[in-house]
Amino acid sequence: MRAIIFTGGRYRNLDFYAQLLEKERPAYILCADKGTETALALGIKPDTVLGDFDSIAPEVLAQIKKMAIPMVVHPTHKDETDTELAITTCLQRGCTEILLLGALGTRLDHSLSNIHLLGRLQAAGVYGRIMDEYNTLFLVEDRKVLELPVGTTLSVIAYTDRAEGVTLRGFEYPLDRADLDHLAAGLGVSNVAVAEHQEIVVESGILLVDVVHEEGFTDF
């Protein structure tokens, strides 16, 4: 089951998200706190909203109640972020794909935390992505074949301490069983797709992949 989580981060272009929702057609939509405002602005009725609701506008809270949207209220003082609680809910519902929206923005601490949550999804056997108007982030643990438009910029960075045996095919700067680590992150940054099909392989460790799509988006 495919799920989308609206988090409380930054949304620049609502038209982008409207097109994305039409393309993704998720079976389950969950909003974390302030992310509810964006979903409602798009004319979407979430299946569930959750959080401590400390950052949501009072009129939005009233709209949630009027629309009878199921609410799960958590205390303000807690160990998990609202996004983390949303992921827990999706996992409990058996979701196999989770797309995080609004997970990047001006709060770098939250952005980094959300990127780390991709590792939790990976460990649970769930395909996780973070997407905004300009980037799509996901993890690769073994092999991934892509069909990016020629000219698309892509970066691969070691998500674990080391990512060994990294091979890139179909890119301007191919790699053949290279080793990446946190001390030499630049080796995989700003590559460019030059073939119709691209392949990413990692023999040991996990890669964080960032696909830049300034003029649109594709399926990953």
N, C-alpha and C. Protein backbone atom coordinates (compact mmCIF):
# COMPACT_ATOMS: atom_id res chain seq x y z
N MET A 1 0.85 -1.20 0.00
CA MET A 1 0.00 0.00 0.00
C MET A 1 0.88 1.24 0.00
N ARG A 2 0.56 2.16 -0.88
CA ARG A 2 1.33 3.40 -1.01
C ARG A 2 0.72 4.49 -0.15
N ALA A 3 1.57 5.16 0.63
CA ALA A 3 1.10 6.24 1.51
C ALA A 3 1.87 7.52 1.22
N ILE A 4 1.21 8.64 1.45
CA ILE A 4 1.86 9.94 1.40
C ILE A 4 1.66 10.62 2.75
N ILE A 5 2.75 11.17 3.27
CA ILE A 5 2.72 11.92 4.52
C ILE A 5 3.00 13.38 4.21
N PHE A 6 2.06 14.25 4.56
CA PHE A 6 2.29 15.69 4.49
C PHE A 6 2.89 16.13 5.81
N THR A 7 4.16 16.51 5.81
CA THR A 7 4.79 16.99 7.03
C THR A 7 4.66 18.51 7.10
N GLY A 8 5.18 19.09 8.16
CA GLY A 8 4.97 20.52 8.39
C GLY A 8 6.02 21.43 7.81
N GLY A 9 6.79 20.96 6.82
CA GLY A 9 7.85 21.77 6.24
C GLY A 9 7.37 22.72 5.16
N ARG A 10 8.26 23.00 4.21
CA ARG A 10 8.02 24.06 3.22
C ARG A 10 7.40 23.49 1.94
N TYR A 11 6.39 24.20 1.44
CA TYR A 11 5.75 23.87 0.16
C TYR A 11 5.74 25.16 -0.67
N ARG A 12 6.49 25.19 -1.75
CA ARG A 12 6.62 26.43 -2.53
C ARG A 12 5.54 26.56 -3.61
N ASN A 13 5.23 25.44 -4.26
CA ASN A 13 4.37 25.47 -5.44
C ASN A 13 3.27 24.43 -5.31
N LEU A 14 2.06 24.87 -4.97
CA LEU A 14 0.97 23.92 -4.76
C LEU A 14 0.59 23.19 -6.04
N ASP A 15 0.78 23.81 -7.20
CA ASP A 15 0.48 23.13 -8.46
C ASP A 15 1.34 21.88 -8.62
N PHE A 16 2.58 21.97 -8.21
CA PHE A 16 3.47 20.81 -8.28
C PHE A 16 2.91 19.65 -7.47
N TYR A 17 2.44 19.95 -6.25
CA TYR A 17 1.94 18.88 -5.38
C TYR A 17 0.60 18.34 -5.87
N ALA A 18 -0.19 19.19 -6.47
CA ALA A 18 -1.46 18.72 -7.04
C ALA A 18 -1.19 17.71 -8.16
N GLN A 19 -0.23 18.02 -9.03
CA GLN A 19 0.13 17.09 -10.11
C GLN A 19 0.74 15.82 -9.55
N LEU A 20 1.55 15.96 -8.52
CA LEU A 20 2.19 14.80 -7.91
C LEU A 20 1.16 13.86 -7.31
N LEU A 21 0.18 14.41 -6.61
CA LEU A 21 -0.87 13.57 -6.01
C LEU A 21 -1.66 12.84 -7.07
N GLU A 22 -1.93 13.52 -8.17
CA GLU A 22 -2.66 12.88 -9.27
C GLU A 22 -1.87 11.72 -9.85
N LYS A 23 -0.56 11.88 -9.89
CA LYS A 23 0.30 10.84 -10.45
C LYS A 23 0.50 9.68 -9.49
N GLU A 24 0.68 9.98 -8.22
CA GLU A 24 0.98 8.95 -7.22
C GLU A 24 -0.25 8.12 -6.85
N ARG A 25 -1.39 8.77 -6.73
CA ARG A 25 -2.64 8.11 -6.33
C ARG A 25 -2.44 7.20 -5.11
N PRO A 26 -2.09 7.79 -3.97
CA PRO A 26 -1.84 6.98 -2.77
C PRO A 26 -3.11 6.37 -2.21
N ALA A 27 -2.96 5.22 -1.57
CA ALA A 27 -4.10 4.57 -0.93
C ALA A 27 -4.37 5.15 0.46
N TYR A 28 -3.36 5.83 1.02
CA TYR A 28 -3.50 6.35 2.38
C TYR A 28 -2.77 7.69 2.47
N ILE A 29 -3.45 8.71 2.97
CA ILE A 29 -2.86 10.04 3.14
C ILE A 29 -2.93 10.42 4.61
N LEU A 30 -1.77 10.73 5.17
CA LEU A 30 -1.68 11.10 6.57
C LEU A 30 -0.99 12.46 6.67
N CYS A 31 -1.50 13.32 7.53
CA CYS A 31 -0.91 14.64 7.72
C CYS A 31 -0.34 14.75 9.12
N ALA A 32 0.89 15.24 9.19
CA ALA A 32 1.54 15.48 10.47
C ALA A 32 1.40 16.96 10.81
N ASP A 33 0.57 17.24 11.79
CA ASP A 33 0.39 18.59 12.33
C ASP A 33 0.16 19.63 11.23
N LYS A 34 1.09 20.57 11.07
CA LYS A 34 0.91 21.70 10.16
C LYS A 34 0.80 21.27 8.69
N GLY A 35 1.25 20.06 8.38
CA GLY A 35 1.11 19.56 7.03
C GLY A 35 -0.34 19.46 6.60
N THR A 36 -1.25 19.42 7.57
CA THR A 36 -2.68 19.38 7.28
C THR A 36 -3.11 20.62 6.49
N GLU A 37 -2.52 21.76 6.79
CA GLU A 37 -2.89 23.00 6.11
C GLU A 37 -2.66 22.89 4.60
N THR A 38 -1.54 22.28 4.22
CA THR A 38 -1.24 22.13 2.80
C THR A 38 -2.20 21.17 2.13
N ALA A 39 -2.48 20.04 2.78
CA ALA A 39 -3.41 19.07 2.20
C ALA A 39 -4.78 19.69 1.97
N LEU A 40 -5.27 20.41 2.95
CA LEU A 40 -6.59 21.03 2.81
C LEU A 40 -6.58 22.11 1.73
N ALA A 41 -5.47 22.84 1.62
CA ALA A 41 -5.35 23.86 0.58
C ALA A 41 -5.40 23.25 -0.82
N LEU A 42 -4.99 21.98 -0.91
CA LEU A 42 -5.03 21.26 -2.18
C LEU A 42 -6.38 20.59 -2.43
N GLY A 43 -7.30 20.77 -1.49
CA GLY A 43 -8.61 20.15 -1.62
C GLY A 43 -8.62 18.67 -1.28
N ILE A 44 -7.65 18.24 -0.50
CA ILE A 44 -7.52 16.82 -0.13
C ILE A 44 -8.05 16.61 1.28
N LYS A 45 -8.85 15.59 1.45
CA LYS A 45 -9.29 15.19 2.78
C LYS A 45 -8.41 14.03 3.24
N PRO A 46 -7.53 14.27 4.22
CA PRO A 46 -6.64 13.21 4.68
C PRO A 46 -7.41 12.07 5.35
N ASP A 47 -6.81 10.90 5.34
CA ASP A 47 -7.40 9.77 6.05
C ASP A 47 -7.20 9.90 7.55
N THR A 48 -6.07 10.50 7.94
CA THR A 48 -5.75 10.71 9.36
C THR A 48 -4.89 11.94 9.49
N VAL A 49 -5.06 12.68 10.59
CA VAL A 49 -4.13 13.74 10.95
C VAL A 49 -3.64 13.45 12.36
N LEU A 50 -2.37 13.75 12.60
CA LEU A 50 -1.83 13.49 13.94
C LEU A 50 -0.79 14.54 14.30
N GLY A 51 -0.45 14.57 15.57
CA GLY A 51 0.57 15.48 16.07
C GLY A 51 0.14 16.10 17.38
N ASP A 52 0.94 17.05 17.84
CA ASP A 52 0.57 17.78 19.05
C ASP A 52 -0.23 19.04 18.70
N PHE A 53 -0.30 19.36 17.42
CA PHE A 53 -1.08 20.49 16.90
C PHE A 53 -0.71 21.81 17.58
N ASP A 54 0.61 21.95 17.82
CA ASP A 54 1.09 23.19 18.44
C ASP A 54 1.41 24.26 17.40
N SER A 55 1.44 23.89 16.13
CA SER A 55 1.82 24.85 15.09
C SER A 55 0.73 25.05 14.04
N ILE A 56 -0.43 24.50 14.27
CA ILE A 56 -1.50 24.55 13.28
C ILE A 56 -2.44 25.72 13.58
N ALA A 57 -2.93 26.37 12.55
CA ALA A 57 -3.83 27.52 12.72
C ALA A 57 -5.16 27.07 13.32
N PRO A 58 -5.75 27.87 14.22
CA PRO A 58 -7.02 27.50 14.85
C PRO A 58 -8.14 27.23 13.85
N GLU A 59 -8.18 28.01 12.76
CA GLU A 59 -9.24 27.81 11.78
C GLU A 59 -9.08 26.47 11.04
N VAL A 60 -7.83 26.03 10.89
CA VAL A 60 -7.59 24.72 10.26
C VAL A 60 -8.02 23.61 11.20
N LEU A 61 -7.73 23.78 12.47
CA LEU A 61 -8.15 22.80 13.47
C LEU A 61 -9.67 22.68 13.48
N ALA A 62 -10.35 23.81 13.37
CA ALA A 62 -11.81 23.79 13.33
C ALA A 62 -12.31 23.09 12.07
N GLN A 63 -11.61 23.29 10.96
CA GLN A 63 -12.00 22.64 9.70
C GLN A 63 -11.82 21.12 9.79
N ILE A 64 -10.76 20.69 10.45
CA ILE A 64 -10.53 19.25 10.64
C ILE A 64 -11.71 18.62 11.37
N LYS A 65 -12.14 19.28 12.42
CA LYS A 65 -13.26 18.75 13.21
C LYS A 65 -14.56 18.78 12.42
N LYS A 66 -14.75 19.85 11.64
CA LYS A 66 -15.97 19.97 10.84
C LYS A 66 -16.05 18.88 9.78
N MET A 67 -14.89 18.51 9.21
CA MET A 67 -14.85 17.49 8.17
C MET A 67 -14.81 16.08 8.74
N ALA A 68 -14.79 15.99 10.07
CA ALA A 68 -14.77 14.69 10.76
C ALA A 68 -13.57 13.84 10.34
N ILE A 69 -12.42 14.49 10.18
CA ILE A 69 -11.20 13.75 9.86
C ILE A 69 -10.66 13.12 11.14
N PRO A 70 -10.35 11.84 11.14
CA PRO A 70 -9.81 11.19 12.34
C PRO A 70 -8.54 11.89 12.82
N MET A 71 -8.50 12.21 14.12
CA MET A 71 -7.35 12.89 14.71
C MET A 71 -6.70 12.01 15.76
N VAL A 72 -5.38 12.01 15.76
CA VAL A 72 -4.61 11.33 16.80
C VAL A 72 -3.75 12.41 17.46
N VAL A 73 -4.09 12.76 18.69
CA VAL A 73 -3.42 13.86 19.38
C VAL A 73 -2.31 13.31 20.27
N HIS A 74 -1.12 13.88 20.12
CA HIS A 74 0.03 13.49 20.94
C HIS A 74 0.44 14.68 21.82
N PRO A 75 1.07 14.43 22.95
CA PRO A 75 1.52 15.53 23.80
C PRO A 75 2.63 16.33 23.14
N THR A 76 2.74 17.59 23.51
CA THR A 76 3.81 18.44 22.98
C THR A 76 5.17 17.93 23.42
N HIS A 77 5.28 17.52 24.67
CA HIS A 77 6.54 17.01 25.20
C HIS A 77 6.60 15.51 24.93
N LYS A 78 7.40 15.14 23.94
CA LYS A 78 7.51 13.73 23.54
C LYS A 78 8.89 13.50 22.93
N ASP A 79 9.24 12.25 22.77
CA ASP A 79 10.56 11.90 22.25
C ASP A 79 10.61 11.86 20.72
N GLU A 80 9.47 11.70 20.06
CA GLU A 80 9.44 11.58 18.61
C GLU A 80 8.94 12.87 17.96
N THR A 81 9.41 13.12 16.74
CA THR A 81 8.83 14.21 15.96
C THR A 81 7.48 13.76 15.42
N ASP A 82 6.68 14.73 14.98
CA ASP A 82 5.38 14.38 14.39
C ASP A 82 5.56 13.52 13.14
N THR A 83 6.61 13.79 12.37
CA THR A 83 6.86 12.98 11.17
C THR A 83 7.19 11.55 11.55
N GLU A 84 7.98 11.38 12.60
CA GLU A 84 8.32 10.03 13.06
C GLU A 84 7.07 9.28 13.51
N LEU A 85 6.18 9.96 14.20
CA LEU A 85 4.93 9.34 14.63
C LEU A 85 4.07 8.97 13.43
N ALA A 86 4.10 9.81 12.41
CA ALA A 86 3.33 9.52 11.20
C ALA A 86 3.87 8.27 10.51
N ILE A 87 5.18 8.13 10.47
CA ILE A 87 5.78 6.94 9.87
C ILE A 87 5.39 5.70 10.66
N THR A 88 5.41 5.79 11.98
CA THR A 88 4.99 4.65 12.81
C THR A 88 3.57 4.23 12.46
N THR A 89 2.69 5.19 12.30
CA THR A 89 1.30 4.89 11.95
C THR A 89 1.21 4.18 10.61
N CYS A 90 1.96 4.67 9.63
CA CYS A 90 1.93 4.04 8.29
C CYS A 90 2.47 2.62 8.34
N LEU A 91 3.52 2.40 9.11
CA LEU A 91 4.07 1.05 9.23
C LEU A 91 3.08 0.11 9.89
N GLN A 92 2.39 0.62 10.90
CA GLN A 92 1.38 -0.21 11.58
C GLN A 92 0.24 -0.58 10.65
N ARG A 93 -0.02 0.24 9.65
CA ARG A 93 -1.09 -0.03 8.69
C ARG A 93 -0.62 -0.90 7.52
N GLY A 94 0.64 -1.27 7.55
CA GLY A 94 1.15 -2.17 6.52
C GLY A 94 1.54 -1.50 5.22
N CYS A 95 1.83 -0.21 5.26
CA CYS A 95 2.25 0.50 4.05
C CYS A 95 3.59 -0.03 3.56
N THR A 96 3.72 -0.20 2.26
CA THR A 96 4.96 -0.72 1.67
C THR A 96 5.75 0.35 0.93
N GLU A 97 5.12 1.48 0.65
CA GLU A 97 5.79 2.64 0.05
C GLU A 97 5.31 3.89 0.78
N ILE A 98 6.26 4.73 1.16
CA ILE A 98 5.90 5.96 1.87
C ILE A 98 6.65 7.13 1.23
N LEU A 99 5.90 8.14 0.83
CA LEU A 99 6.46 9.36 0.26
C LEU A 99 6.26 10.50 1.25
N LEU A 100 7.36 11.14 1.64
CA LEU A 100 7.31 12.26 2.57
C LEU A 100 7.33 13.57 1.78
N LEU A 101 6.34 14.42 2.02
CA LEU A 101 6.28 15.74 1.41
C LEU A 101 6.47 16.80 2.49
N GLY A 102 7.06 17.92 2.11
CA GLY A 102 7.30 18.98 3.09
C GLY A 102 8.37 18.62 4.10
N ALA A 103 9.18 17.61 3.79
CA ALA A 103 10.17 17.12 4.74
C ALA A 103 11.49 17.88 4.67
N LEU A 104 11.60 18.78 3.69
CA LEU A 104 12.79 19.62 3.55
C LEU A 104 12.35 21.07 3.66
N GLY A 105 13.21 21.91 4.19
CA GLY A 105 12.79 23.31 4.32
C GLY A 105 13.82 24.13 5.06
N THR A 106 13.36 25.17 5.73
CA THR A 106 14.26 26.10 6.39
C THR A 106 14.80 25.56 7.71
N ARG A 107 14.15 24.56 8.28
CA ARG A 107 14.63 23.96 9.52
C ARG A 107 15.55 22.79 9.18
N LEU A 108 16.87 23.08 9.15
CA LEU A 108 17.84 22.06 8.77
C LEU A 108 17.81 20.87 9.72
N ASP A 109 17.53 21.12 11.00
CA ASP A 109 17.49 20.02 11.96
C ASP A 109 16.39 19.03 11.60
N HIS A 110 15.22 19.55 11.24
CA HIS A 110 14.12 18.66 10.84
C HIS A 110 14.42 17.98 9.51
N SER A 111 15.04 18.72 8.59
CA SER A 111 15.38 18.12 7.29
C SER A 111 16.32 16.94 7.47
N LEU A 112 17.36 17.12 8.29
CA LEU A 112 18.31 16.03 8.53
C LEU A 112 17.65 14.86 9.23
N SER A 113 16.79 15.17 10.20
CA SER A 113 16.07 14.11 10.91
C SER A 113 15.21 13.31 9.95
N ASN A 114 14.54 13.99 9.04
CA ASN A 114 13.68 13.30 8.08
C ASN A 114 14.49 12.43 7.12
N ILE A 115 15.66 12.91 6.71
CA ILE A 115 16.53 12.10 5.85
C ILE A 115 16.96 10.84 6.58
N HIS A 116 17.24 10.96 7.87
CA HIS A 116 17.61 9.79 8.67
C HIS A 116 16.44 8.82 8.80
N LEU A 117 15.22 9.33 8.76
CA LEU A 117 14.06 8.44 8.85
C LEU A 117 13.94 7.53 7.63
N LEU A 118 14.56 7.90 6.52
CA LEU A 118 14.59 6.99 5.37
C LEU A 118 15.26 5.68 5.74
N GLY A 119 16.25 5.75 6.64
CA GLY A 119 16.93 4.54 7.09
C GLY A 119 16.01 3.64 7.89
N ARG A 120 15.13 4.24 8.66
CA ARG A 120 14.16 3.43 9.41
C ARG A 120 13.23 2.69 8.45
N LEU A 121 12.80 3.38 7.41
CA LEU A 121 11.93 2.73 6.43
C LEU A 121 12.67 1.62 5.70
N GLN A 122 13.92 1.88 5.34
CA GLN A 122 14.73 0.87 4.66
C GLN A 122 14.86 -0.38 5.52
N ALA A 123 15.11 -0.19 6.82
CA ALA A 123 15.26 -1.32 7.73
C ALA A 123 13.97 -2.11 7.87
N ALA A 124 12.84 -1.44 7.68
CA ALA A 124 11.53 -2.11 7.78
C ALA A 124 11.10 -2.73 6.46
N GLY A 125 11.94 -2.62 5.44
CA GLY A 125 11.58 -3.17 4.13
C GLY A 125 10.60 -2.33 3.36
N VAL A 126 10.54 -1.05 3.68
CA VAL A 126 9.60 -0.12 3.04
C VAL A 126 10.38 0.85 2.15
N TYR A 127 9.88 1.05 0.93
CA TYR A 127 10.53 1.99 0.01
C TYR A 127 10.12 3.41 0.38
N GLY A 128 11.07 4.20 0.84
CA GLY A 128 10.79 5.55 1.28
C GLY A 128 11.41 6.59 0.36
N ARG A 129 10.70 7.68 0.16
CA ARG A 129 11.20 8.79 -0.64
C ARG A 129 10.86 10.10 0.05
N ILE A 130 11.70 11.09 -0.18
CA ILE A 130 11.42 12.47 0.19
C ILE A 130 11.41 13.27 -1.10
N MET A 131 10.37 14.06 -1.32
CA MET A 131 10.29 14.82 -2.57
C MET A 131 9.80 16.24 -2.31
N ASP A 132 10.45 17.18 -2.99
CA ASP A 132 9.92 18.54 -3.07
C ASP A 132 10.00 18.98 -4.53
N GLU A 133 9.85 20.27 -4.76
CA GLU A 133 9.82 20.76 -6.14
C GLU A 133 11.14 20.56 -6.87
N TYR A 134 12.22 20.38 -6.15
CA TYR A 134 13.54 20.37 -6.78
C TYR A 134 14.34 19.09 -6.57
N ASN A 135 13.96 18.28 -5.62
CA ASN A 135 14.75 17.10 -5.29
C ASN A 135 13.88 15.90 -4.96
N THR A 136 14.39 14.72 -5.29
CA THR A 136 13.83 13.47 -4.80
C THR A 136 14.96 12.68 -4.16
N LEU A 137 14.77 12.30 -2.90
CA LEU A 137 15.77 11.56 -2.15
C LEU A 137 15.26 10.16 -1.86
N PHE A 138 16.14 9.17 -2.01
CA PHE A 138 15.82 7.79 -1.64
C PHE A 138 17.12 7.04 -1.39
N LEU A 139 17.01 5.85 -0.84
CA LEU A 139 18.18 5.04 -0.51
C LEU A 139 18.31 3.87 -1.47
N VAL A 140 19.55 3.47 -1.71
CA VAL A 140 19.84 2.27 -2.48
C VAL A 140 20.77 1.40 -1.66
N GLU A 141 20.35 0.15 -1.44
CA GLU A 141 21.15 -0.78 -0.63
C GLU A 141 21.80 -1.87 -1.48
N ASP A 142 21.28 -2.11 -2.66
CA ASP A 142 21.87 -3.13 -3.52
C ASP A 142 21.95 -2.65 -4.97
N ARG A 143 20.80 -2.58 -5.64
CA ARG A 143 20.80 -2.19 -7.06
C ARG A 143 19.52 -1.43 -7.39
N LYS A 144 19.67 -0.41 -8.21
CA LYS A 144 18.52 0.37 -8.64
C LYS A 144 18.71 0.77 -10.10
N VAL A 145 17.71 0.49 -10.92
CA VAL A 145 17.71 0.90 -12.32
C VAL A 145 16.75 2.06 -12.49
N LEU A 146 17.21 3.13 -13.13
CA LEU A 146 16.42 4.34 -13.31
C LEU A 146 16.23 4.62 -14.80
N GLU A 147 15.22 5.42 -15.09
CA GLU A 147 14.98 5.90 -16.45
C GLU A 147 14.84 7.42 -16.41
N LEU A 148 15.89 8.07 -15.97
CA LEU A 148 15.88 9.53 -15.86
C LEU A 148 16.06 10.15 -17.24
N PRO A 149 15.43 11.28 -17.49
CA PRO A 149 15.67 11.98 -18.75
C PRO A 149 17.16 12.33 -18.89
N VAL A 150 17.68 12.18 -20.09
CA VAL A 150 19.08 12.54 -20.33
C VAL A 150 19.30 13.99 -19.93
N GLY A 151 20.38 14.22 -19.19
CA GLY A 151 20.68 15.56 -18.70
C GLY A 151 20.29 15.78 -17.25
N THR A 152 19.59 14.82 -16.66
CA THR A 152 19.19 14.95 -15.25
C THR A 152 20.40 14.85 -14.34
N THR A 153 20.47 15.73 -13.35
CA THR A 153 21.55 15.70 -12.37
C THR A 153 21.20 14.76 -11.23
N LEU A 154 22.18 13.97 -10.81
CA LEU A 154 21.99 13.01 -9.73
C LEU A 154 23.25 12.94 -8.89
N SER A 155 23.08 12.83 -7.59
CA SER A 155 24.21 12.65 -6.68
C SER A 155 24.00 11.41 -5.84
N VAL A 156 25.10 10.71 -5.55
CA VAL A 156 25.06 9.58 -4.62
C VAL A 156 26.06 9.86 -3.51
N ILE A 157 25.61 9.68 -2.28
CA ILE A 157 26.41 9.97 -1.09
C ILE A 157 26.31 8.78 -0.15
N ALA A 158 27.41 8.45 0.51
CA ALA A 158 27.38 7.36 1.48
C ALA A 158 26.42 7.70 2.61
N TYR A 159 25.40 6.87 2.79
CA TYR A 159 24.43 7.07 3.87
C TYR A 159 24.94 6.42 5.14
N THR A 160 25.52 5.24 4.99
CA THR A 160 26.23 4.59 6.09
C THR A 160 27.66 5.15 6.12
N ASP A 161 28.45 4.75 7.13
CA ASP A 161 29.82 5.27 7.23
C ASP A 161 30.60 5.05 5.94
N ARG A 162 30.39 3.88 5.33
CA ARG A 162 31.03 3.56 4.06
C ARG A 162 30.02 2.89 3.13
N ALA A 163 30.17 3.17 1.86
CA ALA A 163 29.42 2.45 0.83
C ALA A 163 30.46 1.90 -0.14
N GLU A 164 30.58 0.59 -0.18
CA GLU A 164 31.67 -0.03 -0.93
C GLU A 164 31.16 -0.70 -2.20
N GLY A 165 32.04 -0.75 -3.19
CA GLY A 165 31.68 -1.39 -4.45
C GLY A 165 30.59 -0.65 -5.19
N VAL A 166 30.70 0.68 -5.24
CA VAL A 166 29.67 1.49 -5.89
C VAL A 166 29.95 1.57 -7.39
N THR A 167 28.97 1.17 -8.17
CA THR A 167 29.07 1.21 -9.63
C THR A 167 27.94 2.08 -10.19
N LEU A 168 28.30 2.99 -11.07
CA LEU A 168 27.33 3.85 -11.74
C LEU A 168 27.47 3.66 -13.24
N ARG A 169 26.37 3.33 -13.89
CA ARG A 169 26.36 3.17 -15.34
C ARG A 169 25.30 4.08 -15.95
N GLY A 170 25.59 4.61 -17.13
CA GLY A 170 24.65 5.49 -17.81
C GLY A 170 24.77 6.94 -17.39
N PHE A 171 25.90 7.27 -16.75
CA PHE A 171 26.13 8.63 -16.28
C PHE A 171 27.40 9.21 -16.91
N GLU A 172 27.50 10.52 -16.92
CA GLU A 172 28.67 11.19 -17.48
C GLU A 172 29.95 10.79 -16.76
N TYR A 173 29.84 10.59 -15.44
CA TYR A 173 31.00 10.18 -14.65
C TYR A 173 30.72 8.79 -14.07
N PRO A 174 31.03 7.74 -14.81
CA PRO A 174 30.75 6.39 -14.32
C PRO A 174 31.69 6.02 -13.18
N LEU A 175 31.24 5.11 -12.35
CA LEU A 175 32.07 4.55 -11.29
C LEU A 175 32.08 3.04 -11.44
N ASP A 176 33.21 2.43 -11.11
CA ASP A 176 33.34 0.98 -11.18
C ASP A 176 33.86 0.48 -9.84
N ARG A 177 32.93 0.01 -9.01
CA ARG A 177 33.25 -0.57 -7.70
C ARG A 177 34.08 0.39 -6.85
N ALA A 178 33.68 1.64 -6.83
CA ALA A 178 34.36 2.65 -6.02
C ALA A 178 33.85 2.57 -4.58
N ASP A 179 34.64 3.08 -3.66
CA ASP A 179 34.26 3.15 -2.26
C ASP A 179 34.01 4.61 -1.88
N LEU A 180 32.86 4.87 -1.26
CA LEU A 180 32.52 6.21 -0.80
C LEU A 180 32.43 6.20 0.71
N ASP A 181 32.84 7.31 1.32
CA ASP A 181 32.66 7.45 2.76
C ASP A 181 32.38 8.91 3.07
N HIS A 182 32.17 9.19 4.36
CA HIS A 182 31.80 10.54 4.77
C HIS A 182 32.94 11.54 4.62
N LEU A 183 34.17 11.04 4.49
CA LEU A 183 35.32 11.93 4.38
C LEU A 183 35.63 12.29 2.93
N ALA A 184 35.00 11.59 1.99
CA ALA A 184 35.22 11.86 0.57
C ALA A 184 33.88 11.87 -0.15
N ALA A 185 33.01 12.76 0.29
CA ALA A 185 31.64 12.77 -0.22
C ALA A 185 31.54 13.28 -1.65
N GLY A 186 32.53 14.04 -2.10
CA GLY A 186 32.42 14.71 -3.39
C GLY A 186 32.47 13.80 -4.60
N LEU A 187 32.96 12.57 -4.44
CA LEU A 187 33.13 11.68 -5.58
C LEU A 187 31.82 11.38 -6.29
N GLY A 188 30.72 11.33 -5.55
CA GLY A 188 29.44 10.97 -6.15
C GLY A 188 28.50 12.13 -6.39
N VAL A 189 29.00 13.36 -6.22
CA VAL A 189 28.12 14.53 -6.29
C VAL A 189 28.07 15.11 -7.70
N SER A 190 26.86 15.51 -8.12
CA SER A 190 26.62 16.22 -9.38
C SER A 190 27.04 15.42 -10.61
N ASN A 191 26.49 14.22 -10.72
CA ASN A 191 26.65 13.44 -11.93
C ASN A 191 25.50 13.77 -12.88
N VAL A 192 25.58 13.31 -14.11
CA VAL A 192 24.56 13.64 -15.11
C VAL A 192 24.20 12.40 -15.92
N ALA A 193 22.91 12.15 -16.08
CA ALA A 193 22.46 11.01 -16.88
C ALA A 193 22.74 11.27 -18.36
N VAL A 194 23.37 10.26 -19.02
CA VAL A 194 23.70 10.41 -20.44
C VAL A 194 23.10 9.28 -21.28
N ALA A 195 22.47 8.31 -20.65
CA ALA A 195 21.83 7.20 -21.35
C ALA A 195 20.37 7.13 -20.96
N GLU A 196 19.58 6.38 -21.73
CA GLU A 196 18.15 6.27 -21.44
C GLU A 196 17.89 5.51 -20.15
N HIS A 197 18.75 4.56 -19.83
CA HIS A 197 18.65 3.79 -18.60
C HIS A 197 19.93 3.99 -17.79
N GLN A 198 19.77 4.10 -16.48
CA GLN A 198 20.92 4.26 -15.60
C GLN A 198 20.85 3.18 -14.52
N GLU A 199 22.02 2.80 -14.05
CA GLU A 199 22.08 1.75 -13.03
C GLU A 199 22.98 2.19 -11.88
N ILE A 200 22.50 1.95 -10.66
CA ILE A 200 23.27 2.22 -9.44
C ILE A 200 23.41 0.90 -8.70
N VAL A 201 24.65 0.53 -8.38
CA VAL A 201 24.91 -0.71 -7.64
C VAL A 201 25.79 -0.38 -6.44
N VAL A 202 25.48 -0.95 -5.29
CA VAL A 202 26.36 -0.85 -4.13
C VAL A 202 26.47 -2.24 -3.51
N GLU A 203 27.69 -2.70 -3.31
CA GLU A 203 27.92 -4.05 -2.82
C GLU A 203 27.81 -4.15 -1.31
N SER A 204 28.17 -3.08 -0.61
CA SER A 204 28.11 -3.07 0.85
C SER A 204 27.80 -1.66 1.33
N GLY A 205 26.89 -1.56 2.29
CA GLY A 205 26.49 -0.25 2.78
C GLY A 205 25.25 0.27 2.06
N ILE A 206 24.93 1.53 2.32
CA ILE A 206 23.73 2.15 1.76
C ILE A 206 24.10 3.50 1.17
N LEU A 207 23.52 3.81 0.02
CA LEU A 207 23.71 5.10 -0.63
C LEU A 207 22.47 5.97 -0.46
N LEU A 208 22.69 7.25 -0.25
CA LEU A 208 21.62 8.25 -0.35
C LEU A 208 21.69 8.84 -1.75
N VAL A 209 20.59 8.77 -2.48
CA VAL A 209 20.53 9.27 -3.85
C VAL A 209 19.67 10.53 -3.87
N ASP A 210 20.18 11.56 -4.53
CA ASP A 210 19.42 12.81 -4.71
C ASP A 210 19.28 13.07 -6.20
N VAL A 211 18.05 13.02 -6.70
CA VAL A 211 17.77 13.34 -8.09
C VAL A 211 17.25 14.77 -8.15
N VAL A 212 17.90 15.59 -8.94
CA VAL A 212 17.51 17.00 -9.08
C VAL A 212 16.56 17.12 -10.26
N HIS A 213 15.39 17.70 -10.02
CA HIS A 213 14.39 17.82 -11.09
C HIS A 213 13.79 19.21 -11.07
N GLU A 214 14.58 20.18 -11.45
CA GLU A 214 14.15 21.58 -11.37
C GLU A 214 12.99 21.89 -12.31
N GLU A 215 12.82 21.09 -13.36
CA GLU A 215 11.77 21.39 -14.33
C GLU A 215 10.70 20.30 -14.38
N GLY A 216 10.55 19.58 -13.29
CA GLY A 216 9.53 18.53 -13.27
C GLY A 216 10.00 17.35 -12.45
N PHE A 217 9.30 16.23 -12.60
CA PHE A 217 9.68 15.05 -11.84
C PHE A 217 9.32 13.81 -12.64
N THR A 218 9.96 12.70 -12.29
CA THR A 218 9.68 11.42 -12.92
C THR A 218 9.48 10.39 -11.84
N ASP A 219 9.24 9.15 -12.23
CA ASP A 219 9.02 8.08 -11.27
C ASP A 219 10.35 7.51 -10.80
N PHE A 220 10.44 7.25 -9.50
CA PHE A 220 11.66 6.65 -8.95
C PHE A 220 11.28 5.45 -8.11
